[in-house]
């Protein structure tokens, strides 16, 4: 399919203007031909859009992975904290001032001891994951 006439003329003029010796040898007056003007372009549109390099994409991926791990750890930390608060209330209700406990109070005390390490680790992982992920996403 041929180009429309409006699009052929500037292209032809550009080719002919690039070869002034050809026009002179053909007996044409080169001074009467208007030179085609290039369309005005800004510097930003002439440059290709920036594509993030591989290391930046990798850093952003690791940032999202870190945020996901930190968010999951935060959920675990909140749940274990809630269970620990419930067990503490159970222990306080079932143990007296002399630290004599009913079987339910003793079970609550054992559960508190077992959950304390998991709760602390979950809070540490949540802070590290969310902090690291935030930095990687903010920086890259």
C-alpha atoms as a PDB file:
ATOM      1  CA  UNK A   1       0.000   0.000   0.000  1.00  0.00           C
ATOM      2  CA  UNK A   2       1.615   3.291  -1.090  1.00  0.00           C
ATOM      3  CA  UNK A   3       2.033   6.176   1.321  1.00  0.00           C
ATOM      4  CA  UNK A   4      -0.418   9.100   1.069  1.00  0.00           C
ATOM      5  CA  UNK A   5       0.863  12.033  -0.932  1.00  0.00           C
ATOM      6  CA  UNK A   6       1.307  14.220   2.161  1.00  0.00           C
ATOM      7  CA  UNK A   7       3.715  11.654   3.608  1.00  0.00           C
ATOM      8  CA  UNK A   8       5.583  10.968   0.340  1.00  0.00           C
ATOM      9  CA  UNK A   9       6.459  14.578  -0.468  1.00  0.00           C
ATOM     10  CA  UNK A  10       8.545  15.359   2.662  1.00  0.00           C
ATOM     11  CA  UNK A  11      10.370  12.061   2.361  1.00  0.00           C
ATOM     12  CA  UNK A  12      11.149  12.704  -1.294  1.00  0.00           C
ATOM     13  CA  UNK A  13      12.280  16.253  -0.553  1.00  0.00           C
ATOM     14  CA  UNK A  14      14.563  14.975   2.198  1.00  0.00           C
ATOM     15  CA  UNK A  15      16.165  12.493  -0.196  1.00  0.00           C
ATOM     16  CA  UNK A  16      16.590  15.090  -2.937  1.00  0.00           C
ATOM     17  CA  UNK A  17      17.932  17.713  -0.544  1.00  0.00           C
ATOM     18  CA  UNK A  18      20.539  15.248   0.670  1.00  0.00           C
ATOM     19  CA  UNK A  19      21.854  14.892  -2.905  1.00  0.00           C
ATOM     20  CA  UNK A  20      22.225  18.460  -4.294  1.00  0.00           C
ATOM     21  CA  UNK A  21      24.692  17.301  -6.952  1.00  0.00           C
ATOM     22  CA  UNK A  22      22.016  15.025  -8.360  1.00  0.00           C
ATOM     23  CA  UNK A  23      19.560  17.901  -8.646  1.00  0.00           C
ATOM     24  CA  UNK A  24      22.094  20.155 -10.349  1.00  0.00           C
ATOM     25  CA  UNK A  25      23.028  17.486 -12.864  1.00  0.00           C
ATOM     26  CA  UNK A  26      19.349  16.954 -13.654  1.00  0.00           C
ATOM     27  CA  UNK A  27      18.990  20.666 -14.489  1.00  0.00           C
ATOM     28  CA  UNK A  28      16.946  21.531 -11.421  1.00  0.00           C
ATOM     29  CA  UNK A  29      17.407  24.632  -9.395  1.00  0.00           C
ATOM     30  CA  UNK A  30      18.287  23.562  -5.903  1.00  0.00           C
ATOM     31  CA  UNK A  31      17.744  26.964  -4.312  1.00  0.00           C
ATOM     32  CA  UNK A  32      14.001  26.923  -5.006  1.00  0.00           C
ATOM     33  CA  UNK A  33      13.377  23.734  -3.064  1.00  0.00           C
ATOM     34  CA  UNK A  34      12.368  24.268   0.554  1.00  0.00           C
ATOM     35  CA  UNK A  35      14.309  22.067   2.897  1.00  0.00           C
ATOM     36  CA  UNK A  36      12.134  19.867   5.026  1.00  0.00           C
ATOM     37  CA  UNK A  37      12.158  20.835   8.638  1.00  0.00           C
ATOM     38  CA  UNK A  38      12.514  18.203  11.292  1.00  0.00           C
ATOM     39  CA  UNK A  39       9.617  17.996  13.687  1.00  0.00           C
ATOM     40  CA  UNK A  40      10.326  19.672  17.001  1.00  0.00           C
ATOM     41  CA  UNK A  41      11.153  17.141  19.626  1.00  0.00           C
ATOM     42  CA  UNK A  42      12.089  17.634  23.208  1.00  0.00           C
ATOM     43  CA  UNK A  43      15.164  16.011  24.682  1.00  0.00           C
ATOM     44  CA  UNK A  44      13.108  13.767  26.943  1.00  0.00           C
ATOM     45  CA  UNK A  45      11.049  12.291  24.115  1.00  0.00           C
ATOM     46  CA  UNK A  46      14.080  11.570  21.934  1.00  0.00           C
ATOM     47  CA  UNK A  47      15.640   9.382  24.596  1.00  0.00           C
ATOM     48  CA  UNK A  48      14.238   5.902  25.122  1.00  0.00           C
ATOM     49  CA  UNK A  49      12.404   5.429  28.400  1.00  0.00           C
ATOM     50  CA  UNK A  50      14.562   4.231  31.234  1.00  0.00           C
ATOM     51  CA  UNK A  51      14.388   0.512  31.799  1.00  0.00           C
ATOM     52  CA  UNK A  52      15.457  -0.464  35.285  1.00  0.00           C
ATOM     53  CA  UNK A  53      18.584  -2.549  35.249  1.00  0.00           C
ATOM     54  CA  UNK A  54      18.574  -6.116  36.419  1.00  0.00           C
ATOM     55  CA  UNK A  55      20.035  -5.408  39.852  1.00  0.00           C
ATOM     56  CA  UNK A  56      17.370  -2.791  40.600  1.00  0.00           C
ATOM     57  CA  UNK A  57      14.605  -5.191  39.550  1.00  0.00           C
ATOM     58  CA  UNK A  58      16.188  -7.900  41.662  1.00  0.00           C
ATOM     59  CA  UNK A  59      16.407  -5.557  44.657  1.00  0.00           C
ATOM     60  CA  UNK A  60      12.731  -4.617  44.279  1.00  0.00           C
ATOM     61  CA  UNK A  61      11.799  -8.311  44.074  1.00  0.00           C
ATOM     62  CA  UNK A  62      13.746  -9.051  47.244  1.00  0.00           C
ATOM     63  CA  UNK A  63      12.119  -6.007  48.812  1.00  0.00           C
ATOM     64  CA  UNK A  64       8.650  -7.419  48.174  1.00  0.00           C
ATOM     65  CA  UNK A  65       9.759 -10.839  49.446  1.00  0.00           C
ATOM     66  CA  UNK A  66      11.073  -9.221  52.630  1.00  0.00           C
ATOM     67  CA  UNK A  67       7.862  -7.256  53.119  1.00  0.00           C
ATOM     68  CA  UNK A  68       5.813 -10.441  52.677  1.00  0.00           C
ATOM     69  CA  UNK A  69       7.919 -12.351  55.212  1.00  0.00           C
ATOM     70  CA  UNK A  70       7.754  -9.434  57.637  1.00  0.00           C
ATOM     71  CA  UNK A  71       3.986  -9.177  57.251  1.00  0.00           C
ATOM     72  CA  UNK A  72       3.516 -12.894  57.876  1.00  0.00           C
ATOM     73  CA  UNK A  73       5.749 -12.706  60.943  1.00  0.00           C
ATOM     74  CA  UNK A  74       3.752  -9.715  62.189  1.00  0.00           C
ATOM     75  CA  UNK A  75       0.531 -11.729  61.917  1.00  0.00           C
ATOM     76  CA  UNK A  76       2.143 -14.580  63.888  1.00  0.00           C
ATOM     77  CA  UNK A  77       3.432 -12.101  66.477  1.00  0.00           C
ATOM     78  CA  UNK A  78       0.005 -10.515  66.973  1.00  0.00           C
ATOM     79  CA  UNK A  79      -1.708 -13.913  67.293  1.00  0.00           C
ATOM     80  CA  UNK A  80       0.854 -15.260  69.770  1.00  0.00           C
ATOM     81  CA  UNK A  81       0.601 -12.012  71.763  1.00  0.00           C
ATOM     82  CA  UNK A  82      -3.169 -12.396  71.978  1.00  0.00           C
ATOM     83  CA  UNK A  83      -2.835 -16.033  73.096  1.00  0.00           C
ATOM     84  CA  UNK A  84      -0.230 -15.008  75.677  1.00  0.00           C
ATOM     85  CA  UNK A  85      -2.540 -12.296  77.060  1.00  0.00           C
ATOM     86  CA  UNK A  86      -5.324 -14.862  77.367  1.00  0.00           C
ATOM     87  CA  UNK A  87      -2.988 -17.330  79.113  1.00  0.00           C
ATOM     88  CA  UNK A  88      -1.766 -14.612  81.484  1.00  0.00           C
ATOM     89  CA  UNK A  89      -5.339 -13.769  82.448  1.00  0.00           C
ATOM     90  CA  UNK A  90      -6.014 -17.482  82.945  1.00  0.00           C
ATOM     91  CA  UNK A  91      -2.914 -17.862  85.134  1.00  0.00           C
ATOM     92  CA  UNK A  92      -3.765 -14.756  87.189  1.00  0.00           C
ATOM     93  CA  UNK A  93      -7.268 -16.074  87.806  1.00  0.00           C
ATOM     94  CA  UNK A  94      -6.172 -19.607  88.728  1.00  0.00           C
ATOM     95  CA  UNK A  95      -3.067 -18.900  90.819  1.00  0.00           C
ATOM     96  CA  UNK A  96      -2.978 -17.212  94.240  1.00  0.00           C
ATOM     97  CA  UNK A  97      -0.377 -14.924  95.851  1.00  0.00           C
ATOM     98  CA  UNK A  98       1.600 -17.889  97.210  1.00  0.00           C
ATOM     99  CA  UNK A  99       1.962 -19.167  93.583  1.00  0.00           C
ATOM    100  CA  UNK A 100      -0.240 -22.150  94.204  1.00  0.00           C
ATOM    101  CA  UNK A 101      -2.118 -22.896  90.960  1.00  0.00           C
ATOM    102  CA  UNK A 102      -4.990 -25.039  89.845  1.00  0.00           C
ATOM    103  CA  UNK A 103      -4.356 -27.410  86.903  1.00  0.00           C
ATOM    104  CA  UNK A 104      -5.792 -24.772  84.494  1.00  0.00           C
ATOM    105  CA  UNK A 105      -3.408 -22.134  85.899  1.00  0.00           C
ATOM    106  CA  UNK A 106      -0.483 -24.512  85.611  1.00  0.00           C
ATOM    107  CA  UNK A 107      -1.356 -25.251  81.951  1.00  0.00           C
ATOM    108  CA  UNK A 108      -1.595 -21.508  81.250  1.00  0.00           C
ATOM    109  CA  UNK A 109       1.830 -20.970  82.847  1.00  0.00           C
ATOM    110  CA  UNK A 110       3.392 -23.729  80.700  1.00  0.00           C
ATOM    111  CA  UNK A 111       1.765 -22.281  77.568  1.00  0.00           C
ATOM    112  CA  UNK A 112       3.166 -18.817  78.390  1.00  0.00           C
ATOM    113  CA  UNK A 113       6.661 -20.274  78.741  1.00  0.00           C
ATOM    114  CA  UNK A 114       6.428 -22.100  75.410  1.00  0.00           C
ATOM    115  CA  UNK A 115       4.979 -19.154  73.475  1.00  0.00           C
ATOM    116  CA  UNK A 116       7.407 -16.526  74.782  1.00  0.00           C
ATOM    117  CA  UNK A 117      10.259 -17.572  72.478  1.00  0.00           C
ATOM    118  CA  UNK A 118       8.009 -17.847  69.416  1.00  0.00           C
ATOM    119  CA  UNK A 119       6.484 -14.459  70.148  1.00  0.00           C
ATOM    120  CA  UNK A 120       9.842 -12.703  70.541  1.00  0.00           C
ATOM    121  CA  UNK A 121      11.219 -14.316  67.369  1.00  0.00           C
ATOM    122  CA  UNK A 122       8.101 -13.364  65.398  1.00  0.00           C
ATOM    123  CA  UNK A 123       8.395  -9.707  66.457  1.00  0.00           C
ATOM    124  CA  UNK A 124      12.100  -9.630  65.535  1.00  0.00           C
ATOM    125  CA  UNK A 125      11.487 -11.213  62.117  1.00  0.00           C
ATOM    126  CA  UNK A 126       8.553  -8.861  61.488  1.00  0.00           C
ATOM    127  CA  UNK A 127      10.664  -5.794  62.250  1.00  0.00           C
ATOM    128  CA  UNK A 128      13.623  -7.039  60.190  1.00  0.00           C
ATOM    129  CA  UNK A 129      11.484  -8.115  57.217  1.00  0.00           C
ATOM    130  CA  UNK A 130       9.379  -4.979  57.064  1.00  0.00           C
ATOM    131  CA  UNK A 131      12.400  -2.737  57.636  1.00  0.00           C
ATOM    132  CA  UNK A 132      14.575  -4.425  55.021  1.00  0.00           C
ATOM    133  CA  UNK A 133      11.761  -4.624  52.507  1.00  0.00           C
ATOM    134  CA  UNK A 134      10.873  -0.983  53.048  1.00  0.00           C
ATOM    135  CA  UNK A 135      14.461   0.120  52.487  1.00  0.00           C
ATOM    136  CA  UNK A 136      14.843  -1.987  49.340  1.00  0.00           C
ATOM    137  CA  UNK A 137      11.579  -0.728  47.886  1.00  0.00           C
ATOM    138  CA  UNK A 138      12.284   2.888  48.835  1.00  0.00           C
ATOM    139  CA  UNK A 139      15.832   2.870  47.489  1.00  0.00           C
ATOM    140  CA  UNK A 140      15.188   0.972  44.269  1.00  0.00           C
END
